[in-house]
C-alpha atoms as a PDB file:
ATOM      1  CA  MET A   1       0.000   0.000   0.000  1.00  0.00           C
ATOM      2  CA  VAL A   2       2.762   2.399   1.007  1.00  0.00           C
ATOM      3  CA  GLU A   3       4.757   1.499  -2.099  1.00  0.00           C
ATOM      4  CA  CYS A   4       1.713   2.166  -4.283  1.00  0.00           C
ATOM      5  CA  ILE A   5       1.233   5.590  -2.690  1.00  0.00           C
ATOM      6  CA  LEU A   6       4.909   6.441  -3.157  1.00  0.00           C
ATOM      7  CA  GLN A   7       4.773   5.432  -6.816  1.00  0.00           C
ATOM      8  CA  THR A   8       1.682   7.572  -7.340  1.00  0.00           C
ATOM      9  CA  LEU A   9       3.359  10.557  -5.688  1.00  0.00           C
ATOM     10  CA  SER A  10       6.471  10.012  -7.794  1.00  0.00           C
ATOM     11  CA  ARG A  11       4.476   9.960 -11.025  1.00  0.00           C
ATOM     12  CA  PHE A  12       2.587  13.081  -9.940  1.00  0.00           C
ATOM     13  CA  SER A  13       5.869  14.848  -9.149  1.00  0.00           C
ATOM     14  CA  GLU A  14       7.275  13.922 -12.559  1.00  0.00           C
ATOM     15  CA  ARG A  15       4.158  15.224 -14.319  1.00  0.00           C
ATOM     16  CA  GLN A  16       4.340  18.461 -12.371  1.00  0.00           C
ATOM     17  CA  PHE A  17       8.011  18.879 -13.255  1.00  0.00           C
ATOM     18  CA  LEU A  18       7.319  18.340 -16.957  1.00  0.00           C
ATOM     19  CA  ALA A  19       4.263  20.603 -16.889  1.00  0.00           C
ATOM     20  CA  ARG A  20       6.261  23.377 -15.212  1.00  0.00           C
ATOM     21  CA  TRP A  21       8.990  23.206 -17.862  1.00  0.00           C
ATOM     22  CA  ILE A  22       6.472  23.261 -20.700  1.00  0.00           C
ATOM     23  CA  SER A  23       4.728  26.221 -19.067  1.00  0.00           C
ATOM     24  CA  ASN A  24       8.010  28.118 -18.681  1.00  0.00           C
ATOM     25  CA  LEU A  25       9.104  27.444 -22.266  1.00  0.00           C
ATOM     26  CA  THR A  26       5.731  28.533 -23.660  1.00  0.00           C
ATOM     27  CA  ASN A  27       5.559  31.736 -21.647  1.00  0.00           C
ATOM     28  CA  PRO A  28       3.757  34.406 -23.741  1.00  0.00           C
ATOM     29  CA  VAL A  29       6.910  36.550 -23.796  1.00  0.00           C
ATOM     30  CA  LEU A  30       8.899  33.670 -25.325  1.00  0.00           C
ATOM     31  CA  ILE A  31       6.093  32.676 -27.700  1.00  0.00           C
ATOM     32  CA  ALA A  32       6.091  36.262 -28.993  1.00  0.00           C
ATOM     33  CA  ILE A  33       9.593  35.793 -30.444  1.00  0.00           C
ATOM     34  CA  PRO A  34       8.718  33.230 -33.150  1.00  0.00           C
ATOM     35  CA  LEU A  35       5.338  34.916 -33.685  1.00  0.00           C
ATOM     36  CA  VAL A  36       6.887  38.277 -34.529  1.00  0.00           C
ATOM     37  CA  LEU A  37       9.651  36.706 -36.600  1.00  0.00           C
ATOM     38  CA  ILE A  38       7.330  34.671 -38.837  1.00  0.00           C
ATOM     39  CA  VAL A  39       5.230  37.773 -39.483  1.00  0.00           C
ATOM     40  CA  VAL A  40       8.035  40.230 -40.194  1.00  0.00           C
ATOM     41  CA  TRP A  41      10.003  37.664 -42.217  1.00  0.00           C
ATOM     42  CA  ARG A  42       7.058  37.333 -44.583  1.00  0.00           C
ATOM     43  CA  ASP A  43       6.706  41.091 -44.924  1.00  0.00           C
ATOM     44  CA  ALA A  44      10.217  42.587 -44.831  1.00  0.00           C
ATOM     45  CA  THR A  45      12.296  43.223 -47.952  1.00  0.00           C
ATOM     46  CA  SER A  46      15.607  42.188 -46.376  1.00  0.00           C
ATOM     47  CA  THR A  47      17.027  40.277 -43.420  1.00  0.00           C
ATOM     48  CA  ARG A  48      18.298  43.508 -41.903  1.00  0.00           C
ATOM     49  CA  GLU A  49      14.859  45.093 -42.106  1.00  0.00           C
ATOM     50  CA  ALA A  50      13.219  41.988 -40.629  1.00  0.00           C
ATOM     51  CA  LEU A  51      15.588  41.819 -37.675  1.00  0.00           C
ATOM     52  CA  GLY A  52      15.396  45.569 -37.081  1.00  0.00           C
ATOM     53  CA  TRP A  53      11.620  45.915 -37.061  1.00  0.00           C
ATOM     54  CA  GLY A  54      11.123  42.551 -35.368  1.00  0.00           C
ATOM     55  CA  GLY A  55      13.665  43.273 -32.647  1.00  0.00           C
ATOM     56  CA  LEU A  56      12.182  46.695 -31.921  1.00  0.00           C
ATOM     57  CA  TYR A  57       8.681  45.192 -31.759  1.00  0.00           C
ATOM     58  CA  LEU A  58       9.803  42.567 -29.238  1.00  0.00           C
ATOM     59  CA  LEU A  59      11.574  45.201 -27.169  1.00  0.00           C
ATOM     60  CA  LEU A  60       8.548  47.494 -27.034  1.00  0.00           C
ATOM     61  CA  THR A  61       5.837  44.871 -26.505  1.00  0.00           C
ATOM     62  CA  GLY A  62       7.673  42.083 -24.687  1.00  0.00           C
ATOM     63  CA  LEU A  63      10.983  42.756 -22.994  1.00  0.00           C
ATOM     64  CA  GLY A  64      10.211  46.355 -22.030  1.00  0.00           C
ATOM     65  CA  PRO A  65       6.890  45.648 -20.288  1.00  0.00           C
ATOM     66  CA  MET A  66       8.320  42.526 -18.630  1.00  0.00           C
ATOM     67  CA  ALA A  67      11.272  44.467 -17.224  1.00  0.00           C
ATOM     68  CA  LEU A  68       8.909  47.117 -15.852  1.00  0.00           C
ATOM     69  CA  LEU A  69       6.683  44.462 -14.266  1.00  0.00           C
ATOM     70  CA  VAL A  70       9.677  42.793 -12.621  1.00  0.00           C
ATOM     71  CA  VAL A  71      10.762  46.134 -11.136  1.00  0.00           C
ATOM     72  CA  LEU A  72       7.246  46.793  -9.805  1.00  0.00           C
ATOM     73  CA  ALA A  73       7.035  43.276  -8.343  1.00  0.00           C
ATOM     74  CA  ARG A  74      10.355  43.693  -6.534  1.00  0.00           C
ATOM     75  CA  ARG A  75       9.154  46.979  -5.071  1.00  0.00           C
ATOM     76  CA  GLY A  76       6.020  45.295  -3.779  1.00  0.00           C
ATOM     77  CA  GLN A  77       3.747  47.325  -6.049  1.00  0.00           C
ATOM     78  CA  LEU A  78       2.619  44.264  -7.962  1.00  0.00           C
ATOM     79  CA  THR A  79       1.498  40.783  -6.981  1.00  0.00           C
ATOM     80  CA  SER A  80       3.654  37.877  -8.139  1.00  0.00           C
ATOM     81  CA  LEU A  81       3.413  37.635 -11.914  1.00  0.00           C
ATOM     82  CA  ARG A  82       3.110  33.855 -11.727  1.00  0.00           C
ATOM     83  CA  HIS A  83       0.202  33.799  -9.295  1.00  0.00           C
ATOM     84  CA  ALA A  84      -1.837  36.860 -10.250  1.00  0.00           C
ATOM     85  CA  ARG A  85      -5.568  36.157 -10.417  1.00  0.00           C
ATOM     86  CA  GLY A  86      -8.663  38.112 -11.439  1.00  0.00           C
ATOM     87  CA  ARG A  87      -8.273  41.849 -10.864  1.00  0.00           C
ATOM     88  CA  GLU A  88      -4.632  41.334  -9.877  1.00  0.00           C
ATOM     89  CA  ARG A  89      -3.947  40.752 -13.568  1.00  0.00           C
ATOM     90  CA  LEU A  90      -5.198  44.211 -14.530  1.00  0.00           C
ATOM     91  CA  LYS A  91      -1.987  46.094 -13.782  1.00  0.00           C
ATOM     92  CA  PRO A  92       0.175  43.891 -16.068  1.00  0.00           C
ATOM     93  CA  LEU A  93      -2.504  44.106 -18.744  1.00  0.00           C
ATOM     94  CA  LEU A  94      -2.714  47.898 -18.507  1.00  0.00           C
ATOM     95  CA  ILE A  95       1.058  48.162 -18.822  1.00  0.00           C
ATOM     96  CA  SER A  96       0.933  45.919 -21.889  1.00  0.00           C
ATOM     97  CA  LEU A  97      -1.869  48.051 -23.322  1.00  0.00           C
ATOM     98  CA  ALA A  98       0.191  51.212 -22.909  1.00  0.00           C
ATOM     99  CA  CYS A  99       3.220  49.620 -24.584  1.00  0.00           C
ATOM    100  CA  LEU A 100       1.114  48.274 -27.437  1.00  0.00           C
ATOM    101  CA  GLY A 101      -0.423  51.715 -27.928  1.00  0.00           C
ATOM    102  CA  VAL A 102       3.040  53.258 -28.222  1.00  0.00           C
ATOM    103  CA  THR A 103       4.061  50.518 -30.657  1.00  0.00           C
ATOM    104  CA  VAL A 104       0.990  51.016 -32.847  1.00  0.00           C
ATOM    105  CA  ALA A 105       1.603  54.768 -33.061  1.00  0.00           C
ATOM    106  CA  LEU A 106       5.345  54.424 -33.680  1.00  0.00           C
ATOM    107  CA  TYR A 107       4.988  51.744 -36.341  1.00  0.00           C
ATOM    108  CA  HIS A 108       2.259  53.708 -38.094  1.00  0.00           C
ATOM    109  CA  PHE A 109       4.234  56.941 -38.355  1.00  0.00           C
ATOM    110  CA  ALA A 110       7.550  55.179 -39.058  1.00  0.00           C
ATOM    111  CA  ASP A 111       5.976  53.255 -41.944  1.00  0.00           C
ATOM    112  CA  ALA A 112       6.883  49.815 -40.608  1.00  0.00           C
ATOM    113  CA  PRO A 113       6.102  46.699 -42.694  1.00  0.00           C
ATOM    114  CA  PRO A 114       2.289  46.605 -43.153  1.00  0.00           C
ATOM    115  CA  LEU A 115       1.773  43.084 -41.838  1.00  0.00           C
ATOM    116  CA  LEU A 116       3.602  43.957 -38.628  1.00  0.00           C
ATOM    117  CA  ARG A 117       1.553  47.147 -38.253  1.00  0.00           C
ATOM    118  CA  ARG A 118      -1.621  45.137 -38.650  1.00  0.00           C
ATOM    119  CA  MET A 119      -0.484  42.632 -36.035  1.00  0.00           C
ATOM    120  CA  ALA A 120       0.200  45.472 -33.600  1.00  0.00           C
ATOM    121  CA  TRP A 121      -3.355  46.748 -34.077  1.00  0.00           C
ATOM    122  CA  LEU A 122      -4.771  43.252 -33.609  1.00  0.00           C
ATOM    123  CA  GLN A 123      -2.814  42.671 -30.424  1.00  0.00           C
ATOM    124  CA  LEU A 124      -3.941  46.032 -29.080  1.00  0.00           C
ATOM    125  CA  VAL A 125      -7.621  45.230 -29.719  1.00  0.00           C
ATOM    126  CA  GLN A 126      -7.243  41.750 -28.240  1.00  0.00           C
ATOM    127  CA  ALA A 127      -5.479  43.145 -25.175  1.00  0.00           C
ATOM    128  CA  VAL A 128      -8.370  45.576 -24.648  1.00  0.00           C
ATOM    129  CA  LEU A 129     -10.833  42.677 -24.808  1.00  0.00           C
ATOM    130  CA  MET A 130      -8.791  40.564 -22.397  1.00  0.00           C
ATOM    131  CA  THR A 131      -8.521  43.494 -19.987  1.00  0.00           C
ATOM    132  CA  ALA A 132     -12.298  43.887 -20.044  1.00  0.00           C
ATOM    133  CA  ILE A 133     -12.925  40.166 -19.544  1.00  0.00           C
ATOM    134  CA  THR A 134     -10.203  39.387 -16.996  1.00  0.00           C
ATOM    135  CA  PRO A 135     -11.944  40.606 -13.794  1.00  0.00           C
ATOM    136  CA  ALA A 136     -14.799  38.169 -14.399  1.00  0.00           C
ATOM    137  CA  TRP A 137     -13.177  35.381 -16.415  1.00  0.00           C
ATOM    138  CA  GLN A 138      -9.538  34.326 -16.299  1.00  0.00           C
ATOM    139  CA  ILE A 139      -8.629  33.630 -19.917  1.00  0.00           C
ATOM    140  CA  SER A 140      -5.339  31.781 -20.320  1.00  0.00           C
ATOM    141  CA  PHE A 141      -2.552  34.071 -21.559  1.00  0.00           C
ATOM    142  CA  HIS A 142      -0.526  30.973 -22.452  1.00  0.00           C
ATOM    143  CA  GLY A 143      -3.446  29.718 -24.513  1.00  0.00           C
ATOM    144  CA  ALA A 144      -3.958  33.053 -26.261  1.00  0.00           C
ATOM    145  CA  ALA A 145      -0.273  33.419 -27.170  1.00  0.00           C
ATOM    146  CA  THR A 146       0.039  29.844 -28.427  1.00  0.00           C
ATOM    147  CA  GLY A 147      -3.192  30.106 -30.394  1.00  0.00           C
ATOM    148  CA  ALA A 148      -1.903  33.269 -32.071  1.00  0.00           C
ATOM    149  CA  LEU A 149       1.380  31.616 -33.062  1.00  0.00           C
ATOM    150  CA  VAL A 150      -0.233  28.483 -34.500  1.00  0.00           C
ATOM    151  CA  THR A 151      -2.988  30.321 -36.385  1.00  0.00           C
ATOM    152  CA  THR A 152      -0.638  32.939 -37.838  1.00  0.00           C
ATOM    153  CA  ALA A 153       1.843  30.301 -38.995  1.00  0.00           C
ATOM    154  CA  LEU A 154      -0.898  28.278 -40.683  1.00  0.00           C
ATOM    155  CA  PHE A 155      -2.313  31.294 -42.513  1.00  0.00           C
ATOM    156  CA  LEU A 156       1.014  32.749 -43.620  1.00  0.00           C
ATOM    157  CA  TYR A 157       2.916  29.571 -44.455  1.00  0.00           C
ATOM    158  CA  GLY A 158       0.228  26.977 -45.074  1.00  0.00           C
ATOM    159  CA  MET A 159      -0.253  23.411 -43.914  1.00  0.00           C
ATOM    160  CA  SER A 160       3.490  22.747 -43.838  1.00  0.00           C
ATOM    161  CA  THR A 161       3.373  24.250 -40.339  1.00  0.00           C
ATOM    162  CA  TRP A 162       0.699  21.826 -39.062  1.00  0.00           C
ATOM    163  CA  PRO A 163       3.116  20.175 -36.542  1.00  0.00           C
ATOM    164  CA  LEU A 164       2.773  23.375 -34.498  1.00  0.00           C
ATOM    165  CA  LEU A 165      -0.728  22.184 -33.587  1.00  0.00           C
ATOM    166  CA  ALA A 166       0.981  19.907 -31.065  1.00  0.00           C
ATOM    167  CA  LEU A 167       1.820  23.054 -29.083  1.00  0.00           C
ATOM    168  CA  LEU A 168      -1.872  23.533 -28.329  1.00  0.00           C
ATOM    169  CA  LEU A 169      -2.037  20.087 -26.740  1.00  0.00           C
ATOM    170  CA  LEU A 170       1.183  20.564 -24.769  1.00  0.00           C
ATOM    171  CA  VAL A 171       0.223  23.989 -23.463  1.00  0.00           C
ATOM    172  CA  GLY A 172      -3.297  22.858 -22.634  1.00  0.00           C
ATOM    173  CA  TRP A 173      -2.082  19.819 -20.726  1.00  0.00           C
ATOM    174  CA  SER A 174       0.587  21.747 -18.790  1.00  0.00           C
ATOM    175  CA  GLN A 175      -1.788  24.489 -17.656  1.00  0.00           C
ATOM    176  CA  VAL A 176      -4.505  22.065 -16.530  1.00  0.00           C
ATOM    177  CA  GLU A 177      -1.954  19.756 -14.876  1.00  0.00           C
ATOM    178  CA  ARG A 178      -0.576  22.655 -12.840  1.00  0.00           C
ATOM    179  CA  GLY A 179      -4.042  23.820 -11.880  1.00  0.00           C
ATOM    180  CA  ARG A 180      -3.526  27.234 -13.470  1.00  0.00           C
ATOM    181  CA  HIS A 181      -6.568  27.062 -15.736  1.00  0.00           C
ATOM    182  CA  THR A 182      -9.600  24.973 -16.508  1.00  0.00           C
ATOM    183  CA  ALA A 183     -10.148  23.424 -19.922  1.00  0.00           C
ATOM    184  CA  ALA A 184     -12.805  26.078 -20.629  1.00  0.00           C
ATOM    185  CA  GLN A 185     -10.413  28.941 -19.836  1.00  0.00           C
ATOM    186  CA  LEU A 186      -7.803  27.420 -22.137  1.00  0.00           C
ATOM    187  CA  ALA A 187     -10.326  26.939 -24.932  1.00  0.00           C
ATOM    188  CA  HIS A 188     -11.322  30.603 -24.665  1.00  0.00           C
ATOM    189  CA  GLY A 189      -7.645  31.588 -24.702  1.00  0.00           C
ATOM    190  CA  PHE A 190      -6.933  29.542 -27.826  1.00  0.00           C
ATOM    191  CA  GLY A 191     -10.055  30.822 -29.571  1.00  0.00           C
ATOM    192  CA  HIS A 192      -9.576  34.448 -28.502  1.00  0.00           C
ATOM    193  CA  ASP A 193      -6.454  34.985 -30.609  1.00  0.00           C
ATOM    194  CA  GLN A 194      -7.369  32.600 -33.390  1.00  0.00           C
ATOM    195  CA  HIS A 195     -10.479  34.599 -34.325  1.00  0.00           C
ATOM    196  CA  GLY A 196      -8.523  37.849 -34.313  1.00  0.00           C
ATOM    197  CA  ASP A 197      -5.667  36.464 -36.361  1.00  0.00           C
ATOM    198  CA  ARG A 198      -7.999  34.991 -38.961  1.00  0.00           C
ATOM    199  CA  ALA A 199      -9.657  38.388 -39.359  1.00  0.00           C
ATOM    200  CA  GLY A 200      -6.428  40.363 -39.493  1.00  0.00           C
ATOM    201  CA  VAL A 201      -3.672  38.260 -40.995  1.00  0.00           C
ATOM    202  CA  HIS A 202      -5.580  36.426 -43.723  1.00  0.00           C
ATOM    203  CA  PRO A 203      -6.462  39.524 -45.825  1.00  0.00           C
ATOM    204  CA  LEU A 204      -2.861  40.696 -45.867  1.00  0.00           C
ATOM    205  CA  ARG A 205      -1.574  37.265 -46.764  1.00  0.00           C
ATOM    206  CA  ARG A 206      -3.244  37.672 -50.155  1.00  0.00           C
ATOM    207  CA  LEU A 207      -1.116  40.730 -50.842  1.00  0.00           C
ATOM    208  CA  HIS A 208       2.044  38.646 -50.566  1.00  0.00           C
ATOM    209  CA  GLU A 209       0.983  35.703 -52.699  1.00  0.00           C
END
C-alpha cells in the first residue's frame, strides 16, 4: 500500500516537473519571439529590415513591459506575476496596453512593414478585450499566445506548419496539470487569438501571394 502511494506521488511529481517546464518554455513573452519573426520575415524586404523591425517590436511589446513588471514586483507594487488572479492581472494588462499603444503609433508613423503594423493593431484590440474580460473570467494568456502563433503560422505559411498544432495540446495539458486554468479557460484563450488572427492576418496574406 505504502509502495503504491509512493509510486503515485512520484508519477505526480514527474508530471508536475514536466508541466512546469512546458509552461516556462511557452511563456507568452517567449512565444512572442517566433510569432513576430514569422510575421516580419514574410513582410520585410531584407534580413536587416526583418531583424530591425522585429527586434524593436519585441523590445517594445515584450521585454520592455516585462522588465517594468519585474521592477514593480520587486518593489512590492505588484502581486507575483506567476500567481496573479482576477483583478490582480489588470496592472500587467494595462502596462501591456500602454506599450502596445506606443508601438501602434510608432509603427504607423515610421511606416513599418504593413503586416507587422496590422499585427500590432490586432494585439492592441485583443489586449483591450482581455482586460475587459479578466476581472470576471480568467482567460489563459498561455493559450492566447500559443493560439496566435499556431494560427498565424498556418495562414502565412500553409499546412506545412501543421506540426505546431501539437503546441496547443502541450500547453493545454501543462496548464490544466498545474491547476492554473480549466479546460474552458484554455479553450477561450486559444479561440480568442485565433479569431482575431484569422480576421487580421488572412487579408494581408493575399497581398504577398
